[in-house]
Amino acid sequence: QTYTKTNPKTGEPYTGRTSGTGTPFQNVAKRDSNHAMNKKGFLPAKLDKSSTNKDAIRGREQQLIEKNGGAKSKGGTSGNAINGISPKNKKKAKYMEEAKNEFGN
């Protein structure tokens, strides 16, 4: 699953991914229960997408980081400090293609 969290003071969106054996909503709630961004004022996580295709989920997380302004490490404005997928990752194109095929842009 992919999820988003928003900081109401800064407007920054944060994107993450998780998995588990519960329902998509349960998996996101479990991940969110001790999330580091909670202490930084981010609201509870909201489910974005769910899939059994882990490559598509990995790509979707990166799609959202880019859509929401990019990672701070690259001069971006999202709540994410780093990209979900390193630009040096040899599988990045595959992850992004899987996400596009499953979820669109």
N, C-alpha and C. Protein backbone atom coordinates (compact mmCIF):
# COMPACT_ATOMS: atom_id res chain seq x y z
N GLN A 1 0.83 -1.18 0.00
CA GLN A 1 0.00 0.00 0.00
C GLN A 1 0.87 1.24 0.00
N THR A 2 0.38 2.28 -0.63
CA THR A 2 0.99 3.60 -0.50
C THR A 2 0.03 4.47 0.30
N TYR A 3 0.61 5.46 0.98
CA TYR A 3 -0.20 6.35 1.80
C TYR A 3 0.40 7.74 1.77
N THR A 4 -0.39 8.71 2.19
CA THR A 4 0.08 10.08 2.32
C THR A 4 -0.28 10.61 3.71
N LYS A 5 0.55 11.53 4.18
CA LYS A 5 0.33 12.25 5.43
C LYS A 5 0.56 13.72 5.10
N THR A 6 -0.17 14.60 5.73
CA THR A 6 -0.01 16.02 5.45
C THR A 6 0.27 16.78 6.74
N ASN A 7 1.17 17.73 6.64
CA ASN A 7 1.43 18.62 7.77
C ASN A 7 0.55 19.85 7.59
N PRO A 8 -0.44 20.04 8.46
CA PRO A 8 -1.38 21.16 8.28
C PRO A 8 -0.73 22.54 8.44
N LYS A 9 0.36 22.63 9.16
CA LYS A 9 1.03 23.93 9.36
C LYS A 9 1.84 24.33 8.14
N THR A 10 2.53 23.36 7.54
CA THR A 10 3.41 23.68 6.41
C THR A 10 2.79 23.35 5.06
N GLY A 11 1.76 22.51 5.09
CA GLY A 11 1.15 22.05 3.85
C GLY A 11 1.93 20.94 3.15
N GLU A 12 3.04 20.53 3.74
CA GLU A 12 3.87 19.49 3.13
C GLU A 12 3.16 18.14 3.10
N PRO A 13 3.15 17.49 1.94
CA PRO A 13 2.65 16.12 1.87
C PRO A 13 3.82 15.15 2.00
N TYR A 14 3.63 14.10 2.77
CA TYR A 14 4.62 13.04 2.93
C TYR A 14 4.02 11.77 2.33
N THR A 15 4.83 11.01 1.63
CA THR A 15 4.39 9.76 1.01
C THR A 15 5.20 8.60 1.54
N GLY A 16 4.53 7.48 1.75
CA GLY A 16 5.22 6.27 2.19
C GLY A 16 4.56 5.03 1.62
N ARG A 17 5.16 3.89 1.94
CA ARG A 17 4.59 2.60 1.53
C ARG A 17 4.70 1.63 2.68
N THR A 18 3.83 0.67 2.68
CA THR A 18 3.80 -0.34 3.73
C THR A 18 3.21 -1.63 3.17
N SER A 19 3.25 -2.67 3.96
CA SER A 19 2.61 -3.93 3.59
C SER A 19 2.19 -4.62 4.87
N GLY A 20 1.57 -5.76 4.74
CA GLY A 20 1.14 -6.51 5.92
C GLY A 20 0.09 -7.53 5.55
N THR A 21 -0.39 -8.21 6.56
CA THR A 21 -1.37 -9.28 6.34
C THR A 21 -2.80 -8.85 6.61
N GLY A 22 -2.99 -7.62 7.08
CA GLY A 22 -4.33 -7.11 7.32
C GLY A 22 -4.94 -6.52 6.06
N THR A 23 -6.04 -5.83 6.23
CA THR A 23 -6.63 -5.11 5.10
C THR A 23 -5.72 -3.94 4.78
N PRO A 24 -5.85 -3.36 3.59
CA PRO A 24 -5.03 -2.19 3.29
C PRO A 24 -5.14 -1.09 4.35
N PHE A 25 -6.35 -0.83 4.82
CA PHE A 25 -6.54 0.21 5.83
C PHE A 25 -5.86 -0.17 7.15
N GLN A 26 -5.93 -1.46 7.53
CA GLN A 26 -5.28 -1.92 8.76
C GLN A 26 -3.76 -1.81 8.64
N ASN A 27 -3.23 -2.18 7.49
CA ASN A 27 -1.78 -2.11 7.29
C ASN A 27 -1.27 -0.67 7.40
N VAL A 28 -2.00 0.27 6.79
CA VAL A 28 -1.60 1.68 6.86
C VAL A 28 -1.73 2.18 8.29
N ALA A 29 -2.81 1.83 8.97
CA ALA A 29 -3.00 2.27 10.36
C ALA A 29 -1.90 1.73 11.27
N LYS A 30 -1.52 0.48 11.06
CA LYS A 30 -0.45 -0.11 11.87
C LYS A 30 0.87 0.62 11.62
N ARG A 31 1.18 0.89 10.36
CA ARG A 31 2.41 1.62 10.02
C ARG A 31 2.39 3.01 10.63
N ASP A 32 1.22 3.64 10.61
CA ASP A 32 1.09 5.02 11.08
C ASP A 32 1.16 5.14 12.60
N SER A 33 0.90 4.06 13.31
CA SER A 33 0.78 4.15 14.77
C SER A 33 2.05 4.66 15.45
N ASN A 34 3.21 4.37 14.90
CA ASN A 34 4.47 4.85 15.48
C ASN A 34 5.31 5.59 14.44
N HIS A 35 4.65 6.27 13.54
CA HIS A 35 5.35 6.92 12.43
C HIS A 35 6.16 8.11 12.92
N ALA A 36 7.40 8.22 12.43
CA ALA A 36 8.28 9.33 12.84
C ALA A 36 7.71 10.70 12.49
N MET A 37 6.93 10.78 11.42
CA MET A 37 6.39 12.07 11.00
C MET A 37 5.27 12.56 11.92
N ASN A 38 4.71 11.69 12.73
CA ASN A 38 3.66 12.11 13.67
C ASN A 38 4.20 13.17 14.63
N LYS A 39 5.44 12.99 15.09
CA LYS A 39 6.05 13.93 16.03
C LYS A 39 6.37 15.27 15.37
N LYS A 40 6.36 15.29 14.05
CA LYS A 40 6.63 16.52 13.31
C LYS A 40 5.35 17.24 12.91
N GLY A 41 4.21 16.77 13.44
CA GLY A 41 2.94 17.46 13.21
C GLY A 41 2.13 16.97 12.02
N PHE A 42 2.52 15.85 11.43
CA PHE A 42 1.77 15.33 10.29
C PHE A 42 0.51 14.61 10.76
N LEU A 43 -0.55 14.79 10.01
CA LEU A 43 -1.84 14.17 10.32
C LEU A 43 -1.79 12.67 10.04
N PRO A 44 -2.82 11.93 10.48
CA PRO A 44 -2.85 10.49 10.22
C PRO A 44 -2.74 10.15 8.73
N ALA A 45 -2.14 9.01 8.48
CA ALA A 45 -1.94 8.54 7.10
C ALA A 45 -3.26 8.19 6.44
N LYS A 46 -3.34 8.48 5.15
CA LYS A 46 -4.51 8.13 4.34
C LYS A 46 -4.06 7.17 3.24
N LEU A 47 -4.78 6.08 3.11
CA LEU A 47 -4.48 5.10 2.07
C LEU A 47 -4.58 5.75 0.70
N ASP A 48 -3.57 5.51 -0.14
CA ASP A 48 -3.58 5.98 -1.52
C ASP A 48 -3.97 4.83 -2.44
N LYS A 49 -3.08 3.85 -2.59
CA LYS A 49 -3.33 2.71 -3.47
C LYS A 49 -2.89 1.42 -2.79
N SER A 50 -3.46 0.32 -3.25
CA SER A 50 -3.08 -1.00 -2.75
C SER A 50 -2.91 -1.94 -3.92
N SER A 51 -1.92 -2.81 -3.81
CA SER A 51 -1.66 -3.78 -4.87
C SER A 51 -0.80 -4.91 -4.31
N THR A 52 -0.91 -6.07 -4.91
CA THR A 52 -0.03 -7.18 -4.56
C THR A 52 1.27 -7.09 -5.36
N ASN A 53 1.33 -6.17 -6.30
CA ASN A 53 2.53 -5.96 -7.13
C ASN A 53 3.47 -5.01 -6.38
N LYS A 54 4.47 -5.57 -5.70
CA LYS A 54 5.38 -4.76 -4.89
C LYS A 54 6.17 -3.76 -5.72
N ASP A 55 6.51 -4.13 -6.96
CA ASP A 55 7.23 -3.21 -7.83
C ASP A 55 6.37 -2.00 -8.17
N ALA A 56 5.07 -2.23 -8.40
CA ALA A 56 4.16 -1.12 -8.71
C ALA A 56 4.01 -0.19 -7.50
N ILE A 57 3.96 -0.75 -6.31
CA ILE A 57 3.85 0.05 -5.09
C ILE A 57 5.11 0.87 -4.90
N ARG A 58 6.24 0.28 -5.14
CA ARG A 58 7.52 1.00 -5.01
C ARG A 58 7.55 2.19 -5.98
N GLY A 59 7.12 1.95 -7.21
CA GLY A 59 7.06 3.03 -8.19
C GLY A 59 6.03 4.08 -7.84
N ARG A 60 4.89 3.64 -7.31
CA ARG A 60 3.83 4.58 -6.93
C ARG A 60 4.30 5.54 -5.85
N GLU A 61 5.04 5.03 -4.88
CA GLU A 61 5.58 5.89 -3.83
C GLU A 61 6.43 7.00 -4.46
N GLN A 62 7.29 6.64 -5.39
CA GLN A 62 8.15 7.61 -6.05
C GLN A 62 7.34 8.58 -6.91
N GLN A 63 6.31 8.06 -7.60
CA GLN A 63 5.43 8.93 -8.38
C GLN A 63 4.86 10.04 -7.50
N LEU A 64 4.38 9.66 -6.31
CA LEU A 64 3.75 10.63 -5.41
C LEU A 64 4.76 11.63 -4.86
N ILE A 65 5.95 11.15 -4.52
CA ILE A 65 6.99 12.07 -4.03
C ILE A 65 7.26 13.13 -5.09
N GLU A 66 7.40 12.70 -6.34
CA GLU A 66 7.66 13.64 -7.43
C GLU A 66 6.47 14.56 -7.67
N LYS A 67 5.27 14.00 -7.66
CA LYS A 67 4.05 14.79 -7.87
C LYS A 67 3.88 15.86 -6.79
N ASN A 68 4.33 15.53 -5.58
CA ASN A 68 4.16 16.43 -4.44
C ASN A 68 5.35 17.35 -4.20
N GLY A 69 6.19 17.54 -5.21
CA GLY A 69 7.25 18.54 -5.12
C GLY A 69 8.66 17.98 -5.07
N GLY A 70 8.81 16.68 -4.91
CA GLY A 70 10.13 16.08 -4.90
C GLY A 70 10.74 16.01 -3.51
N ALA A 71 11.73 15.14 -3.38
CA ALA A 71 12.42 14.93 -2.10
C ALA A 71 13.29 16.14 -1.75
N LYS A 72 13.36 16.43 -0.47
CA LYS A 72 14.17 17.56 0.01
C LYS A 72 15.64 17.40 -0.37
N SER A 73 16.15 16.16 -0.39
CA SER A 73 17.55 15.93 -0.73
C SER A 73 17.87 16.35 -2.16
N LYS A 74 16.84 16.50 -2.97
CA LYS A 74 17.00 16.94 -4.36
C LYS A 74 16.48 18.36 -4.56
N GLY A 75 16.31 19.08 -3.46
CA GLY A 75 15.82 20.45 -3.54
C GLY A 75 14.31 20.55 -3.63
N GLY A 76 13.63 19.46 -3.35
CA GLY A 76 12.17 19.43 -3.47
C GLY A 76 11.45 20.00 -2.27
N THR A 77 10.12 20.00 -2.37
CA THR A 77 9.29 20.63 -1.34
C THR A 77 8.32 19.68 -0.66
N SER A 78 8.40 18.39 -0.95
CA SER A 78 7.51 17.44 -0.27
C SER A 78 8.01 17.23 1.16
N GLY A 79 7.27 16.48 1.94
CA GLY A 79 7.69 16.16 3.30
C GLY A 79 8.73 15.06 3.35
N ASN A 80 9.06 14.46 2.21
CA ASN A 80 10.02 13.36 2.15
C ASN A 80 11.45 13.90 2.09
N ALA A 81 12.29 13.43 2.99
CA ALA A 81 13.69 13.85 3.01
C ALA A 81 14.44 13.28 1.81
N ILE A 82 14.12 12.03 1.45
CA ILE A 82 14.80 11.36 0.34
C ILE A 82 13.79 10.72 -0.59
N ASN A 83 14.24 10.35 -1.76
CA ASN A 83 13.39 9.64 -2.71
C ASN A 83 13.09 8.24 -2.22
N GLY A 84 11.98 7.69 -2.63
CA GLY A 84 11.65 6.30 -2.34
C GLY A 84 12.55 5.36 -3.12
N ILE A 85 12.98 5.80 -4.29
CA ILE A 85 13.88 5.02 -5.14
C ILE A 85 15.06 5.92 -5.49
N SER A 86 16.25 5.46 -5.19
CA SER A 86 17.45 6.21 -5.52
C SER A 86 17.57 6.37 -7.03
N PRO A 87 18.00 7.53 -7.50
CA PRO A 87 18.23 7.70 -8.94
C PRO A 87 19.27 6.71 -9.47
N LYS A 88 20.10 6.18 -8.60
CA LYS A 88 21.13 5.22 -8.99
C LYS A 88 20.62 3.78 -9.02
N ASN A 89 19.39 3.55 -8.55
CA ASN A 89 18.84 2.20 -8.50
C ASN A 89 18.60 1.68 -9.91
N LYS A 90 19.22 0.58 -10.25
CA LYS A 90 19.14 0.03 -11.60
C LYS A 90 17.74 -0.45 -11.96
N LYS A 91 16.89 -0.65 -10.97
CA LYS A 91 15.52 -1.11 -11.22
C LYS A 91 14.50 0.03 -11.23
N LYS A 92 14.96 1.27 -11.09
CA LYS A 92 14.03 2.40 -11.00
C LYS A 92 13.07 2.44 -12.19
N ALA A 93 13.59 2.30 -13.40
CA ALA A 93 12.73 2.36 -14.59
C ALA A 93 11.66 1.28 -14.55
N LYS A 94 12.02 0.09 -14.08
CA LYS A 94 11.06 -1.01 -13.97
C LYS A 94 9.97 -0.68 -12.96
N TYR A 95 10.37 -0.17 -11.80
CA TYR A 95 9.39 0.21 -10.77
C TYR A 95 8.44 1.28 -11.29
N MET A 96 8.98 2.27 -11.96
CA MET A 96 8.15 3.36 -12.47
C MET A 96 7.21 2.86 -13.56
N GLU A 97 7.68 1.98 -14.42
CA GLU A 97 6.84 1.42 -15.48
C GLU A 97 5.72 0.56 -14.89
N GLU A 98 6.04 -0.23 -13.89
CA GLU A 98 5.02 -1.06 -13.23
C GLU A 98 3.93 -0.17 -12.61
N ALA A 99 4.35 0.92 -11.97
CA ALA A 99 3.38 1.83 -11.36
C ALA A 99 2.51 2.49 -12.44
N LYS A 100 3.14 2.90 -13.51
CA LYS A 100 2.37 3.54 -14.59
C LYS A 100 1.36 2.57 -15.18
N ASN A 101 1.79 1.33 -15.38
CA ASN A 101 0.89 0.31 -15.95
C ASN A 101 -0.29 0.01 -15.02
N GLU A 102 -0.02 -0.03 -13.72
CA GLU A 102 -1.07 -0.39 -12.77
C GLU A 102 -1.95 0.78 -12.33
N PHE A 103 -1.35 1.94 -12.17
CA PHE A 103 -2.08 3.07 -11.60
C PHE A 103 -2.21 4.28 -12.52
N GLY A 104 -1.53 4.28 -13.64
CA GLY A 104 -1.51 5.46 -14.50
C GLY A 104 -0.48 6.44 -13.98
N ASN A 105 -0.58 7.68 -14.42
CA ASN A 105 0.39 8.68 -13.96
C ASN A 105 -0.07 9.20 -12.64
